[in-house]
Amino acid sequence: MAGSRRGSADGSPAVGELLSPAELALLGKTRLSLRHPRGSSFGGHLSRRTGTSLEFADHRPYQPGDDLRLVDWAVYARHQKLMTKVFSREVEAPLYILLDTSNSMGLGGKLRFSSRLAAALCFLAFRAGDRFGVYPFGERLEYEGKPSRRKTALVRAFSQLASLTPAGKTDFPRALTHWTQTITEPGICLVISDFLAPGYAEGLRALRYGRHAVAAVQVLAKEDVAPELAGEVRLWDVEERRGKPLVVGRSVQRAYQEALARWNRALAESCQELGVAQFLFMAEGSPVGAALELVRRWRP
């Protein structure tokens, strides 16, 4: 757990638009961070800073040449096995939040939920003394600033998140590749999106090639999962800006459910292949609850 500090979002007029006083109070009582101690080998995707304290992390079998001062003689006395203590340094890695602001995120309050989720995560990072940054994207990256742990960064993030509106298409490869070329310091990267546009695998791969620990945070609305459509309707693609007439019956509804299930299975398979953590939240739920679940469950 990173060292925490007192702090609030006071000074940002946008705070009340994103998080209620009760939600801020709950977050203020939470001592959680996505920054955790890592051992000497952790996949090569995060950088370690010297000067941080060492903490015991694990054991490994003794190897010739190991410092005898690191042998755990208590383990040897109990099990007659030579085991070497492994220590870790705390990872000083910034939190990057990449937030999809395309038109599809406007459906069912997905962008509103995602903005509030991002605000809660920024507040937790600020409380923990971690650097953080919010990076909205659609067809292109909308912000290129460096992460910071200052209160001014929290005020800017809240103002930024409160002003977001859905617009345009999602271009994962273009936006996320551009981001990795702009922000070169490896860190903890959350991509918040409905992931209903193609190209997500290429975008996530670019982040992994940038040596980031990555989580795909999928936000869906009930309109995505079970749209209430029946009879003659005109479907409208909010990102392609085109419509199509359709008669919706049970067979069409069933086909849609099957297609969505296949799409999400493909997303899960891509995440597993790339070593990307995956979370799914419904826009009708609690953004603060989602933020707390993320920091409790994910160990980047």
C-alpha atoms as a PDB file:
ATOM      1  CA  MET A   1       0.000   0.000   0.000  1.00  0.00           C
ATOM      2  CA  ALA A   2       1.370   3.388  -0.934  1.00  0.00           C
ATOM      3  CA  GLY A   3       1.590   6.033   1.740  1.00  0.00           C
ATOM      4  CA  SER A   4      -1.627   8.002   2.019  1.00  0.00           C
ATOM      5  CA  ARG A   5      -2.191  11.672   2.680  1.00  0.00           C
ATOM      6  CA  ARG A   6      -5.017  13.921   3.594  1.00  0.00           C
ATOM      7  CA  GLY A   7      -6.710  15.739   0.767  1.00  0.00           C
ATOM      8  CA  SER A   8     -10.000  16.639  -0.769  1.00  0.00           C
ATOM      9  CA  ALA A   9     -11.365  17.732  -4.078  1.00  0.00           C
ATOM     10  CA  ASP A  10     -12.309  21.145  -2.661  1.00  0.00           C
ATOM     11  CA  GLY A  11     -11.439  23.885  -5.091  1.00  0.00           C
ATOM     12  CA  SER A  12     -12.920  22.111  -8.093  1.00  0.00           C
ATOM     13  CA  PRO A  13     -16.398  23.393  -8.956  1.00  0.00           C
ATOM     14  CA  ALA A  14     -16.893  20.163 -10.907  1.00  0.00           C
ATOM     15  CA  VAL A  15     -16.601  17.883  -7.892  1.00  0.00           C
ATOM     16  CA  GLY A  16     -20.292  18.128  -7.011  1.00  0.00           C
ATOM     17  CA  GLU A  17     -21.214  17.174 -10.568  1.00  0.00           C
ATOM     18  CA  LEU A  18     -19.304  13.903 -10.322  1.00  0.00           C
ATOM     19  CA  LEU A  19     -19.235  12.659  -6.729  1.00  0.00           C
ATOM     20  CA  SER A  20     -21.597  13.331  -3.847  1.00  0.00           C
ATOM     21  CA  PRO A  21     -20.343  14.341  -0.380  1.00  0.00           C
ATOM     22  CA  ALA A  22     -21.222  10.845   0.867  1.00  0.00           C
ATOM     23  CA  GLU A  23     -19.227   9.228  -1.945  1.00  0.00           C
ATOM     24  CA  LEU A  24     -16.234  11.476  -1.276  1.00  0.00           C
ATOM     25  CA  ALA A  25     -16.451  10.626   2.422  1.00  0.00           C
ATOM     26  CA  LEU A  26     -16.459   6.902   1.607  1.00  0.00           C
ATOM     27  CA  LEU A  27     -13.466   7.272  -0.694  1.00  0.00           C
ATOM     28  CA  GLY A  28     -11.719   9.401   1.908  1.00  0.00           C
ATOM     29  CA  LYS A  29     -11.931   6.550   4.415  1.00  0.00           C
ATOM     30  CA  THR A  30     -10.461   4.062   1.951  1.00  0.00           C
ATOM     31  CA  ARG A  31      -6.768   3.229   2.162  1.00  0.00           C
ATOM     32  CA  LEU A  32      -6.357   1.448  -1.137  1.00  0.00           C
ATOM     33  CA  SER A  33      -4.085   1.994  -4.109  1.00  0.00           C
ATOM     34  CA  LEU A  34      -3.346   0.224  -7.378  1.00  0.00           C
ATOM     35  CA  ARG A  35       0.337   0.651  -6.558  1.00  0.00           C
ATOM     36  CA  HIS A  36       1.622  -2.491  -4.810  1.00  0.00           C
ATOM     37  CA  PRO A  37       5.033  -3.931  -3.981  1.00  0.00           C
ATOM     38  CA  ARG A  38       6.519  -5.965  -6.804  1.00  0.00           C
ATOM     39  CA  GLY A  39       9.286  -8.531  -6.746  1.00  0.00           C
ATOM     40  CA  SER A  40      12.496  -8.469  -8.727  1.00  0.00           C
ATOM     41  CA  SER A  41      10.736 -10.141 -11.641  1.00  0.00           C
ATOM     42  CA  PHE A  42       7.299  -8.897 -12.569  1.00  0.00           C
ATOM     43  CA  GLY A  43       6.988  -9.314 -16.311  1.00  0.00           C
ATOM     44  CA  GLY A  44       9.053  -6.332 -17.341  1.00  0.00           C
ATOM     45  CA  HIS A  45       6.094  -4.021 -17.821  1.00  0.00           C
ATOM     46  CA  LEU A  46       6.647  -1.575 -14.944  1.00  0.00           C
ATOM     47  CA  SER A  47       9.695   0.362 -13.890  1.00  0.00           C
ATOM     48  CA  ARG A  48      11.090   0.404 -10.364  1.00  0.00           C
ATOM     49  CA  ARG A  49      12.558   3.441  -8.669  1.00  0.00           C
ATOM     50  CA  THR A  50      15.600   3.198  -6.425  1.00  0.00           C
ATOM     51  CA  GLY A  51      15.473   4.628  -2.951  1.00  0.00           C
ATOM     52  CA  THR A  52      12.259   2.975  -1.867  1.00  0.00           C
ATOM     53  CA  SER A  53      12.189   0.609   1.082  1.00  0.00           C
ATOM     54  CA  LEU A  54      12.625  -3.120   0.673  1.00  0.00           C
ATOM     55  CA  GLU A  55       9.915  -5.471   1.909  1.00  0.00           C
ATOM     56  CA  PHE A  56       9.870  -9.255   2.202  1.00  0.00           C
ATOM     57  CA  ALA A  57       7.872 -10.671  -0.712  1.00  0.00           C
ATOM     58  CA  ASP A  58       8.385 -14.434  -1.064  1.00  0.00           C
ATOM     59  CA  HIS A  59      10.758 -17.416  -0.938  1.00  0.00           C
ATOM     60  CA  ARG A  60      12.538 -19.255  -3.713  1.00  0.00           C
ATOM     61  CA  PRO A  61      14.758 -22.356  -3.603  1.00  0.00           C
ATOM     62  CA  TYR A  62      18.360 -21.621  -2.606  1.00  0.00           C
ATOM     63  CA  GLN A  63      20.808 -21.416  -5.497  1.00  0.00           C
ATOM     64  CA  PRO A  64      24.627 -21.643  -5.245  1.00  0.00           C
ATOM     65  CA  GLY A  65      25.997 -18.141  -4.898  1.00  0.00           C
ATOM     66  CA  ASP A  66      23.036 -16.747  -2.945  1.00  0.00           C
ATOM     67  CA  ASP A  67      23.935 -14.515  -0.006  1.00  0.00           C
ATOM     68  CA  LEU A  68      23.752 -16.755   3.078  1.00  0.00           C
ATOM     69  CA  ARG A  69      22.339 -13.818   5.040  1.00  0.00           C
ATOM     70  CA  LEU A  70      19.185 -14.140   2.918  1.00  0.00           C
ATOM     71  CA  VAL A  71      18.645 -17.830   3.689  1.00  0.00           C
ATOM     72  CA  ASP A  72      15.537 -18.336   5.830  1.00  0.00           C
ATOM     73  CA  TRP A  73      16.935 -20.590   8.545  1.00  0.00           C
ATOM     74  CA  ALA A  74      13.554 -20.842  10.253  1.00  0.00           C
ATOM     75  CA  VAL A  75      12.153 -22.528   7.148  1.00  0.00           C
ATOM     76  CA  TYR A  76      15.193 -24.824   7.057  1.00  0.00           C
ATOM     77  CA  ALA A  77      14.659 -25.810  10.698  1.00  0.00           C
ATOM     78  CA  ARG A  78      11.035 -26.724  10.023  1.00  0.00           C
ATOM     79  CA  HIS A  79      11.281 -28.351   6.597  1.00  0.00           C
ATOM     80  CA  GLN A  80      14.992 -29.101   6.045  1.00  0.00           C
ATOM     81  CA  LYS A  81      14.863 -27.066   2.818  1.00  0.00           C
ATOM     82  CA  LEU A  82      17.178 -24.200   1.960  1.00  0.00           C
ATOM     83  CA  MET A  83      15.036 -21.248   0.876  1.00  0.00           C
ATOM     84  CA  THR A  84      16.223 -17.755  -0.027  1.00  0.00           C
ATOM     85  CA  LYS A  85      14.186 -14.715   0.949  1.00  0.00           C
ATOM     86  CA  VAL A  86      13.061 -12.528  -1.951  1.00  0.00           C
ATOM     87  CA  PHE A  87      12.495  -8.850  -1.312  1.00  0.00           C
ATOM     88  CA  SER A  88      10.614  -6.283  -3.344  1.00  0.00           C
ATOM     89  CA  ARG A  89      10.775  -2.592  -4.004  1.00  0.00           C
ATOM     90  CA  GLU A  90       7.614  -0.573  -4.153  1.00  0.00           C
ATOM     91  CA  VAL A  91       6.689   0.277  -7.719  1.00  0.00           C
ATOM     92  CA  GLU A  92       6.384   4.013  -8.294  1.00  0.00           C
ATOM     93  CA  ALA A  93       4.154   3.806 -11.346  1.00  0.00           C
ATOM     94  CA  PRO A  94       1.653   6.437 -12.479  1.00  0.00           C
ATOM     95  CA  LEU A  95      -2.024   5.672 -12.999  1.00  0.00           C
ATOM     96  CA  TYR A  96      -3.229   6.376 -16.529  1.00  0.00           C
ATOM     97  CA  ILE A  97      -6.973   6.457 -17.248  1.00  0.00           C
ATOM     98  CA  LEU A  98      -7.854   6.315 -20.944  1.00  0.00           C
ATOM     99  CA  LEU A  99     -11.540   7.089 -21.365  1.00  0.00           C
ATOM    100  CA  ASP A 100     -13.566   6.410 -24.520  1.00  0.00           C
ATOM    101  CA  THR A 101     -15.767   9.430 -25.338  1.00  0.00           C
ATOM    102  CA  SER A 102     -17.214   8.231 -28.650  1.00  0.00           C
ATOM    103  CA  ASN A 103     -20.903   8.513 -29.513  1.00  0.00           C
ATOM    104  CA  SER A 104     -21.708   4.968 -28.422  1.00  0.00           C
ATOM    105  CA  MET A 105     -20.687   5.886 -24.869  1.00  0.00           C
ATOM    106  CA  GLY A 106     -23.614   8.299 -24.749  1.00  0.00           C
ATOM    107  CA  LEU A 107     -26.091   5.421 -24.759  1.00  0.00           C
ATOM    108  CA  GLY A 108     -27.637   4.542 -21.419  1.00  0.00           C
ATOM    109  CA  GLY A 109     -25.433   6.828 -19.348  1.00  0.00           C
ATOM    110  CA  LYS A 110     -22.198   4.935 -20.061  1.00  0.00           C
ATOM    111  CA  LEU A 111     -20.058   8.051 -20.378  1.00  0.00           C
ATOM    112  CA  ARG A 112     -21.549   9.551 -17.230  1.00  0.00           C
ATOM    113  CA  PHE A 113     -20.818   6.359 -15.266  1.00  0.00           C
ATOM    114  CA  SER A 114     -17.312   6.145 -16.734  1.00  0.00           C
ATOM    115  CA  SER A 115     -16.531   9.778 -15.917  1.00  0.00           C
ATOM    116  CA  ARG A 116     -17.632   9.275 -12.317  1.00  0.00           C
ATOM    117  CA  LEU A 117     -15.628   6.031 -12.100  1.00  0.00           C
ATOM    118  CA  ALA A 118     -12.546   7.851 -13.394  1.00  0.00           C
ATOM    119  CA  ALA A 119     -13.116  10.669 -10.889  1.00  0.00           C
ATOM    120  CA  ALA A 120     -13.266   8.176  -8.011  1.00  0.00           C
ATOM    121  CA  LEU A 121     -10.037   6.508  -9.161  1.00  0.00           C
ATOM    122  CA  CYS A 122      -8.289   9.869  -9.483  1.00  0.00           C
ATOM    123  CA  PHE A 123      -9.377  10.788  -5.971  1.00  0.00           C
ATOM    124  CA  LEU A 124      -8.046   7.491  -4.584  1.00  0.00           C
ATOM    125  CA  ALA A 125      -4.747   8.013  -6.417  1.00  0.00           C
ATOM    126  CA  PHE A 126      -4.474  11.551  -5.061  1.00  0.00           C
ATOM    127  CA  ARG A 127      -5.157  10.354  -1.522  1.00  0.00           C
ATOM    128  CA  ALA A 128      -2.450   7.694  -1.891  1.00  0.00           C
ATOM    129  CA  GLY A 129       0.107  10.165  -3.215  1.00  0.00           C
ATOM    130  CA  ASP A 130       0.208   8.485  -6.627  1.00  0.00           C
ATOM    131  CA  ARG A 131       0.637  10.318  -9.912  1.00  0.00           C
ATOM    132  CA  PHE A 132      -2.357  10.097 -12.239  1.00  0.00           C
ATOM    133  CA  GLY A 133      -3.707  11.439 -15.502  1.00  0.00           C
ATOM    134  CA  VAL A 134      -6.950  11.247 -17.503  1.00  0.00           C
ATOM    135  CA  TYR A 135      -6.790  10.855 -21.279  1.00  0.00           C
ATOM    136  CA  PRO A 136     -10.100  11.071 -23.195  1.00  0.00           C
ATOM    137  CA  PHE A 137     -10.077   9.585 -26.676  1.00  0.00           C
ATOM    138  CA  GLY A 138     -12.375   8.809 -29.583  1.00  0.00           C
ATOM    139  CA  GLU A 139     -10.970   8.868 -33.076  1.00  0.00           C
ATOM    140  CA  ARG A 140      -7.893  10.551 -31.617  1.00  0.00           C
ATOM    141  CA  LEU A 141      -6.288  11.343 -28.287  1.00  0.00           C
ATOM    142  CA  GLU A 142      -7.749  14.489 -26.708  1.00  0.00           C
ATOM    143  CA  TYR A 143      -5.149  15.232 -24.003  1.00  0.00           C
ATOM    144  CA  GLU A 144      -1.406  14.644 -23.768  1.00  0.00           C
ATOM    145  CA  GLY A 145      -0.368  16.033 -20.369  1.00  0.00           C
ATOM    146  CA  LYS A 146       1.959  14.229 -18.003  1.00  0.00           C
ATOM    147  CA  PRO A 147       0.600  12.542 -14.868  1.00  0.00           C
ATOM    148  CA  SER A 148       0.895  14.417 -11.599  1.00  0.00           C
ATOM    149  CA  ARG A 149       0.129  13.901  -7.912  1.00  0.00           C
ATOM    150  CA  ARG A 150      -0.596  17.572  -7.216  1.00  0.00           C
ATOM    151  CA  LYS A 151      -3.945  18.930  -6.125  1.00  0.00           C
ATOM    152  CA  THR A 152      -4.046  21.060  -9.269  1.00  0.00           C
ATOM    153  CA  ALA A 153      -4.013  17.812 -11.257  1.00  0.00           C
ATOM    154  CA  LEU A 154      -7.046  16.574  -9.325  1.00  0.00           C
ATOM    155  CA  VAL A 155      -8.903  19.834  -9.956  1.00  0.00           C
ATOM    156  CA  ARG A 156      -8.032  19.635 -13.653  1.00  0.00           C
ATOM    157  CA  ALA A 157      -9.121  15.988 -13.865  1.00  0.00           C
ATOM    158  CA  PHE A 158     -12.486  16.697 -12.249  1.00  0.00           C
ATOM    159  CA  SER A 159     -13.104  19.682 -14.531  1.00  0.00           C
ATOM    160  CA  GLN A 160     -12.045  17.637 -17.541  1.00  0.00           C
ATOM    161  CA  LEU A 161     -14.312  14.721 -16.642  1.00  0.00           C
ATOM    162  CA  ALA A 162     -17.331  16.897 -15.850  1.00  0.00           C
ATOM    163  CA  SER A 163     -17.164  18.545 -19.275  1.00  0.00           C
ATOM    164  CA  LEU A 164     -16.968  15.398 -21.411  1.00  0.00           C
ATOM    165  CA  THR A 165     -19.638  14.830 -24.061  1.00  0.00           C
ATOM    166  CA  PRO A 166     -19.921  11.861 -26.442  1.00  0.00           C
ATOM    167  CA  ALA A 167     -18.806  12.578 -29.997  1.00  0.00           C
ATOM    168  CA  GLY A 168     -17.443  10.786 -33.056  1.00  0.00           C
ATOM    169  CA  LYS A 169     -16.188   7.251 -33.517  1.00  0.00           C
ATOM    170  CA  THR A 170     -13.798   5.044 -31.560  1.00  0.00           C
ATOM    171  CA  ASP A 171     -10.432   4.388 -33.180  1.00  0.00           C
ATOM    172  CA  PHE A 172      -8.559   2.209 -30.702  1.00  0.00           C
ATOM    173  CA  PRO A 173      -5.435   1.595 -32.830  1.00  0.00           C
ATOM    174  CA  ARG A 174      -4.945   5.255 -33.740  1.00  0.00           C
ATOM    175  CA  ALA A 175      -5.721   6.781 -30.352  1.00  0.00           C
ATOM    176  CA  LEU A 176      -3.949   4.253 -28.124  1.00  0.00           C
ATOM    177  CA  THR A 177      -0.881   3.937 -30.351  1.00  0.00           C
ATOM    178  CA  HIS A 178      -0.587   7.736 -30.381  1.00  0.00           C
ATOM    179  CA  TRP A 179      -0.878   7.721 -26.601  1.00  0.00           C
ATOM    180  CA  THR A 180       1.991   5.235 -26.191  1.00  0.00           C
ATOM    181  CA  GLN A 181       4.149   7.403 -28.434  1.00  0.00           C
ATOM    182  CA  THR A 182       3.330  10.475 -26.341  1.00  0.00           C
ATOM    183  CA  ILE A 183       3.408   9.020 -22.816  1.00  0.00           C
ATOM    184  CA  THR A 184       6.503   6.848 -22.654  1.00  0.00           C
ATOM    185  CA  GLU A 185       6.803   6.127 -18.916  1.00  0.00           C
ATOM    186  CA  PRO A 186       5.451   2.645 -18.104  1.00  0.00           C
ATOM    187  CA  GLY A 187       2.595   2.654 -15.637  1.00  0.00           C
ATOM    188  CA  ILE A 188      -0.782   1.275 -14.629  1.00  0.00           C
ATOM    189  CA  CYS A 189      -3.197   1.812 -17.482  1.00  0.00           C
ATOM    190  CA  LEU A 190      -7.004   1.554 -17.328  1.00  0.00           C
ATOM    191  CA  VAL A 191      -8.919   1.696 -20.598  1.00  0.00           C
ATOM    192  CA  ILE A 192     -12.580   2.505 -19.909  1.00  0.00           C
ATOM    193  CA  SER A 193     -14.892   1.842 -22.858  1.00  0.00           C
ATOM    194  CA  ASP A 194     -17.869  -0.194 -23.979  1.00  0.00           C
ATOM    195  CA  PHE A 195     -15.412  -2.003 -26.290  1.00  0.00           C
ATOM    196  CA  LEU A 196     -18.115  -2.336 -28.953  1.00  0.00           C
ATOM    197  CA  ALA A 197     -15.924  -0.958 -31.747  1.00  0.00           C
ATOM    198  CA  PRO A 198     -13.393  -3.018 -33.727  1.00  0.00           C
ATOM    199  CA  GLY A 199      -9.659  -2.571 -33.299  1.00  0.00           C
ATOM    200  CA  TYR A 200      -9.536  -2.915 -29.516  1.00  0.00           C
ATOM    201  CA  ALA A 201      -7.011  -5.769 -29.653  1.00  0.00           C
ATOM    202  CA  GLU A 202      -4.555  -3.691 -31.669  1.00  0.00           C
ATOM    203  CA  GLY A 203      -4.962  -0.776 -29.279  1.00  0.00           C
ATOM    204  CA  LEU A 204      -4.473  -2.922 -26.171  1.00  0.00           C
ATOM    205  CA  ARG A 205      -1.464  -4.582 -27.794  1.00  0.00           C
ATOM    206  CA  ALA A 206       0.124  -1.164 -28.302  1.00  0.00           C
ATOM    207  CA  LEU A 207      -0.254  -0.457 -24.594  1.00  0.00           C
ATOM    208  CA  ARG A 208       1.323  -3.778 -23.645  1.00  0.00           C
ATOM    209  CA  TYR A 209       4.215  -3.145 -26.036  1.00  0.00           C
ATOM    210  CA  GLY A 210       4.681   0.109 -24.140  1.00  0.00           C
ATOM    211  CA  ARG A 211       5.359  -2.026 -21.019  1.00  0.00           C
ATOM    212  CA  HIS A 212       2.211  -0.902 -19.226  1.00  0.00           C
ATOM    213  CA  ALA A 213       0.124  -3.008 -16.873  1.00  0.00           C
ATOM    214  CA  VAL A 214      -3.274  -2.810 -18.563  1.00  0.00           C
ATOM    215  CA  ALA A 215      -6.888  -3.399 -17.569  1.00  0.00           C
ATOM    216  CA  ALA A 216      -9.812  -3.266 -19.994  1.00  0.00           C
ATOM    217  CA  VAL A 217     -12.758  -1.827 -18.060  1.00  0.00           C
ATOM    218  CA  GLN A 218     -15.889  -2.534 -20.081  1.00  0.00           C
ATOM    219  CA  VAL A 219     -18.958  -0.436 -19.295  1.00  0.00           C
ATOM    220  CA  LEU A 220     -22.267  -1.562 -20.779  1.00  0.00           C
ATOM    221  CA  ALA A 221     -25.819  -0.284 -20.382  1.00  0.00           C
ATOM    222  CA  LYS A 222     -29.032  -2.267 -20.217  1.00  0.00           C
ATOM    223  CA  GLU A 223     -29.760  -0.941 -23.721  1.00  0.00           C
ATOM    224  CA  ASP A 224     -26.652  -2.807 -24.909  1.00  0.00           C
ATOM    225  CA  VAL A 225     -27.456  -6.044 -23.128  1.00  0.00           C
ATOM    226  CA  ALA A 226     -31.216  -6.247 -23.636  1.00  0.00           C
ATOM    227  CA  PRO A 227     -32.531  -3.525 -25.959  1.00  0.00           C
ATOM    228  CA  GLU A 228     -36.286  -3.091 -25.709  1.00  0.00           C
ATOM    229  CA  LEU A 229     -37.094  -3.298 -29.394  1.00  0.00           C
ATOM    230  CA  ALA A 230     -40.022  -5.011 -31.090  1.00  0.00           C
ATOM    231  CA  GLY A 231     -41.855  -4.732 -34.377  1.00  0.00           C
ATOM    232  CA  GLU A 232     -40.812  -2.368 -37.158  1.00  0.00           C
ATOM    233  CA  VAL A 233     -37.907  -0.184 -36.048  1.00  0.00           C
ATOM    234  CA  ARG A 234     -35.101   1.805 -37.604  1.00  0.00           C
ATOM    235  CA  LEU A 235     -31.723   0.988 -36.101  1.00  0.00           C
ATOM    236  CA  TRP A 236     -29.314   3.902 -35.972  1.00  0.00           C
ATOM    237  CA  ASP A 237     -25.517   3.533 -35.771  1.00  0.00           C
ATOM    238  CA  VAL A 238     -24.512   6.503 -33.633  1.00  0.00           C
ATOM    239  CA  GLU A 239     -20.867   6.339 -34.694  1.00  0.00           C
ATOM    240  CA  GLU A 240     -21.305   5.642 -38.409  1.00  0.00           C
ATOM    241  CA  ARG A 241     -24.314   8.010 -38.551  1.00  0.00           C
ATOM    242  CA  ARG A 242     -26.476   5.738 -40.645  1.00  0.00           C
ATOM    243  CA  GLY A 243     -29.688   3.818 -40.130  1.00  0.00           C
ATOM    244  CA  LYS A 244     -31.293   0.587 -41.246  1.00  0.00           C
ATOM    245  CA  PRO A 245     -34.948  -0.504 -41.135  1.00  0.00           C
ATOM    246  CA  LEU A 246     -35.580  -3.802 -39.390  1.00  0.00           C
ATOM    247  CA  VAL A 247     -38.454  -5.905 -38.139  1.00  0.00           C
ATOM    248  CA  VAL A 248     -37.529  -7.112 -34.656  1.00  0.00           C
ATOM    249  CA  GLY A 249     -39.004 -10.384 -33.487  1.00  0.00           C
ATOM    250  CA  ARG A 250     -37.839 -13.093 -31.125  1.00  0.00           C
ATOM    251  CA  SER A 251     -35.426 -14.565 -33.659  1.00  0.00           C
ATOM    252  CA  VAL A 252     -33.760 -11.178 -34.192  1.00  0.00           C
ATOM    253  CA  GLN A 253     -33.540 -10.590 -30.442  1.00  0.00           C
ATOM    254  CA  ARG A 254     -31.984 -14.028 -29.971  1.00  0.00           C
ATOM    255  CA  ALA A 255     -29.509 -13.410 -32.796  1.00  0.00           C
ATOM    256  CA  TYR A 256     -28.500 -10.103 -31.200  1.00  0.00           C
ATOM    257  CA  GLN A 257     -27.893 -11.758 -27.829  1.00  0.00           C
ATOM    258  CA  GLU A 258     -25.763 -14.441 -29.468  1.00  0.00           C
ATOM    259  CA  ALA A 259     -23.763 -11.856 -31.418  1.00  0.00           C
ATOM    260  CA  LEU A 260     -23.100  -9.808 -28.269  1.00  0.00           C
ATOM    261  CA  ALA A 261     -22.000 -12.939 -26.408  1.00  0.00           C
ATOM    262  CA  ARG A 262     -19.587 -13.839 -29.247  1.00  0.00           C
ATOM    263  CA  TRP A 263     -18.217 -10.296 -29.275  1.00  0.00           C
ATOM    264  CA  ASN A 264     -17.555 -10.322 -25.546  1.00  0.00           C
ATOM    265  CA  ARG A 265     -15.970 -13.780 -25.721  1.00  0.00           C
ATOM    266  CA  ALA A 266     -13.593 -12.454 -28.358  1.00  0.00           C
ATOM    267  CA  LEU A 267     -12.773  -9.497 -26.107  1.00  0.00           C
ATOM    268  CA  ALA A 268     -12.075 -11.850 -23.193  1.00  0.00           C
ATOM    269  CA  GLU A 269      -9.856 -14.049 -25.374  1.00  0.00           C
ATOM    270  CA  SER A 270      -7.889 -11.036 -26.612  1.00  0.00           C
ATOM    271  CA  CYS A 271      -7.386  -9.790 -23.060  1.00  0.00           C
ATOM    272  CA  GLN A 272      -6.187 -13.202 -21.911  1.00  0.00           C
ATOM    273  CA  GLU A 273      -3.795 -13.491 -24.848  1.00  0.00           C
ATOM    274  CA  LEU A 274      -2.337 -10.028 -24.227  1.00  0.00           C
ATOM    275  CA  GLY A 275      -2.090 -10.347 -20.449  1.00  0.00           C
ATOM    276  CA  VAL A 276      -4.703  -7.645 -19.931  1.00  0.00           C
ATOM    277  CA  ALA A 277      -7.001  -7.713 -16.896  1.00  0.00           C
ATOM    278  CA  GLN A 278     -10.713  -7.415 -17.691  1.00  0.00           C
ATOM    279  CA  PHE A 279     -13.616  -5.968 -15.733  1.00  0.00           C
ATOM    280  CA  LEU A 280     -17.269  -5.474 -16.660  1.00  0.00           C
ATOM    281  CA  PHE A 281     -19.562  -2.945 -15.007  1.00  0.00           C
ATOM    282  CA  MET A 282     -23.108  -1.902 -15.802  1.00  0.00           C
ATOM    283  CA  ALA A 283     -23.798   1.806 -16.183  1.00  0.00           C
ATOM    284  CA  GLU A 284     -26.790   1.478 -13.875  1.00  0.00           C
ATOM    285  CA  GLY A 285     -24.498   0.523 -10.980  1.00  0.00           C
ATOM    286  CA  SER A 286     -22.384   2.540  -8.551  1.00  0.00           C
ATOM    287  CA  PRO A 287     -19.239   4.141 -10.019  1.00  0.00           C
ATOM    288  CA  VAL A 288     -17.681   4.414  -6.565  1.00  0.00           C
ATOM    289  CA  GLY A 289     -18.450   0.759  -5.885  1.00  0.00           C
ATOM    290  CA  ALA A 290     -16.805  -0.100  -9.210  1.00  0.00           C
ATOM    291  CA  ALA A 291     -13.705   1.923  -8.314  1.00  0.00           C
ATOM    292  CA  LEU A 292     -13.365   0.166  -4.969  1.00  0.00           C
ATOM    293  CA  GLU A 293     -13.831  -3.230  -6.608  1.00  0.00           C
ATOM    294  CA  LEU A 294     -11.107  -2.416  -9.118  1.00  0.00           C
ATOM    295  CA  VAL A 295      -8.494  -1.465  -6.558  1.00  0.00           C
ATOM    296  CA  ARG A 296      -9.374  -4.423  -4.342  1.00  0.00           C
ATOM    297  CA  ARG A 297      -9.352  -7.068  -7.063  1.00  0.00           C
ATOM    298  CA  TRP A 298      -6.658  -5.970  -9.501  1.00  0.00           C
ATOM    299  CA  ARG A 299      -3.017  -6.549  -8.654  1.00  0.00           C
ATOM    300  CA  PRO A 300      -1.068  -5.066 -11.590  1.00  0.00           C
END
